[in-house]
């Protein structure tokens, strides 16, 4: 077979099996001069030459990966119209130290990641896969099946399946090295890969070894003008400073310290803000130890990362050997070690309430009198907020005289950045390995079989440092003057050093910091075991007379066992909020798992072929029964039709029932306190001017006194305490999705000068019911205080009237929510032009337009439609990132002799905030980026490539720091969706032998 005919056959097989090019026409032209006998299509286990899939499949080939010069495959996926924001290199506060994929914006836990059709071991107990463990250099192509694939592959394939097809019969050596850097000469990424393969035993077998290494350097928010200061989303405070190119407005004299500013930051600041625990604000300390009105906030931005640092090393060995005509043994072993560091601003005491002697030797006479006056004022009125009794006492009348004086203790709410401790950080060290062995071959006649066993394990340690020990700080603030005139801790605990929170920067000495700071470690492990067997082939006795081939089918069995653990140290386990100030709550040990036994089958029945008006008509169906312990059984299925009236047109439709069983974290997570994103506490001082009698009554129904309503502190930095975990008496049941895809593929052969033309248009509708998830914190607040829903009000626990004190928060336990739905259309185009002596031109595009992306937690809560919006309650499923209505990628490539030049156009339609914000931030206009790539094959065995991303250096949109969840909204923008770091240059050198 000639090269051109081999390529053309590969192309047409790919097209008719539903494989549409994602961004580069070349991705379906990656065929060498080899005799292709059949194509095994992602999304089915039936391997029949010329099989037509009724599901749309998008493919990314090696050419596209090379043109994007991506050292991690996550970088390619983040730009695809089919995906939404997931975890990755530009997620800092909220990262898990991994790179995840999020198909259709439905959550990373709802797409199944495969390597050569086999599951990849998750990196944690939440069932998500870290794609950074997949060596890019060994990828042959990536197939994306959308619209559910549970009938074929099992649980988790709700949004679809992503199959990484690896190089099977590689011969020779492929050595490459790449380097990239931003225009500001930072953010360096260095990588190298080595692939070596050889045939053995006269071609009966092949073995491939691949090694990879990556070093990614960090970029701080403070390294870019937009990230140097905090901008308030609601009011726009700080925005004019950014426009004028000036530093944040400094705090007034005597109320300063590192990164203390007048506006645009956190109320946990420097010097210390204090409030009556369970009551209103008292004020803020000054550098001289006096208390005055609140005068500064803390600019936390510069400490954070726009790009997190990464160290990665790994490898994979694959091989297969034909033992005889009926048996081919195959195996794969992979190992990857990654280290990712996340860093945020200095720790602090984030609204914790400590008993404090008014005789504390660090409190000067002026501040002491201010505190005494505030607490005595709080004792008065019909609804006093200072009391020695009740559910939340905040005064100890030690001398029994009935008034607050210097002899007493009071409970004070502290908000103070412990800048003297340095920044907070978490280092994620991940090690994963997997091994696969199997035998496949011809069973009898045209029937094939595949039997395999697979084991995978992921181990990770999370080391958090630079935090404030809440427990020790509470002990150290409870200080009195010792008999020798030196302050001492009243508890007398060994090693306790009294802590001075009552002055400016430097009031905390190194000795104080040593006692009141803390680090913590959490160890995680995940184990996955799988065994399976399947057979496939034709049943010649079942053939419709007017069809050209008989019924083909596949059936099999699979057993899977998964187990995950998390072992935090004692610091993490301290209740109710761990010993780490600002860490987001406590972590308790997790140990749990599940096993599942499955049987499955598929059929492909040709109904007609080679008739007038019916070139081919095929029926496809599949069914899977899965019995999970402990979550029960689920049944999934698919059925669809593919119809070719003529050779150039294919119509396809597929209806599927997909399912996702609860993962280990959803089944076994203990109840703990954590942080969730929210916008405002409607009962706090932030909403004091809008509190109606009806709202006041609702606030009081959730545990507030009349004197606390409109007085207690609001949320800190857009975050609120929440109670999370699994209700063991009410485990979540499997979620299920009804999905529909309808499409047409057109491959015209009459367009002048064009060849290998492909145009595909598909409609998809993914409707998920019994969604496993949590109510959003702001959703609960709104449902209670706006909607007046008593059931939601019951989830709000207030301590001292507020939601920031330890023990307070909002119940957001894992449960089954009502539904989540994504609906849209996707267009794919690919065509080539032979321009004679001037070479070849390839043009391709992929466009996705959402028609619907909505969710509803319960029948009592509002419907949330997220198309074209962003916000804490909206965006890509469980995240709060932006979801543009329309996205596209369009690539134009010119190949001339040894040169290739390619331009990629990335488009994102405009979006707007789901809630009213500062007018300039209410809407983000559409964005267009252009990336340029060039390569030169300067020797037969060597090539040089060069790329420029964000060619015209388009600045990211500005939305402030409270526009959405902290994982997607950082540095006043959305750095995982928009290019926040400017123009980037990349160069690569590749040798092949």
Foldseek 3Di string as FASTA:
>chain_A
DDFVVQQVLQLLLCVQQQEFEQFFLCQSSPDGPDDDDWDCDPLARFIDRSDGHQFHKYKFFPVNCVQVVDQFCLVVQLQGLQWHDDADFQFFVPHPQARATFGLLADRQQEFEEEVLHGDFPQALQNGRRRRQPGSVFFGMKMWTAWFRCLHNNFRQQGTYIYGYGDAADAFKWKKWKWKAFPVRDFIKIKIKIKHKDAPDVNQKMKMKMKMKMWTGWDALCNDLLQQFFAFQFARPPVVCSVVVHHAAAWDPQQHDPQWHQDRAWPLEWQKWKDAQLFFTLAGFGQVLAGDHHTTHGGWRRFWTSGWIKIKIKMKMKMWGRPDQFKIKIKMKIKMKMKTKHWTFFFWQFFAKAWAQLQQVLHDPNRSVSVQVVLQVQCDDPFRLADCDDPFHFKDPPVPPPGDDNRIIGIMTIRYGPCVLPIKMKMKIKMKMKMKIWMKHADDDFKIKIKMKMKMKMKMKIKIFNFFQQVLQSQQNHWHQDPVRHIDRPVPPPLRHHANSRHGPPSGDPSNCVRGTDMWMKIKMKMKIKIKMKMKDFDQVAADPQFDGGKIKMKMKMKMKMKMKMDIDQQLQDPAAGRGGPPFWHFDIWIDIKMKIKIKMKMKGWPHDDDQQFNTKIKIKMKMWMAMVPQGIDIKMKIKMWTDRDPFKIKHKMKIKHKHFRGRQLQTGDKHKGKAFADKQCFELVPLVPQDPLLLVLLVVLPRDSNRGNRHDMDILRMFIEIEGYDNVARQHMKMKIKMKIKMWGQDDPDPQKHRKIKMKMKMKIKIAQDWFWDHQNQLSCCCSVVVDVVSSNQFHDHSSDGRYRPGGGYTYTGGFGIWMWIWMKMKIWIKGQPDQQAIKIKIKIKIATPFTWGGRYPSTDIGTQEQEFAANHTSNNWGAHHARMWMKMKMWGDHDFKIKMKIKIKGAKHAYPDNRHVLQGIDHIDIFMKIKMKGCPDPFKMKIKIKTRNVFDAFRFSGQSRYTSRQRGSRGGSSNDPHSTMMMMMMMMGID
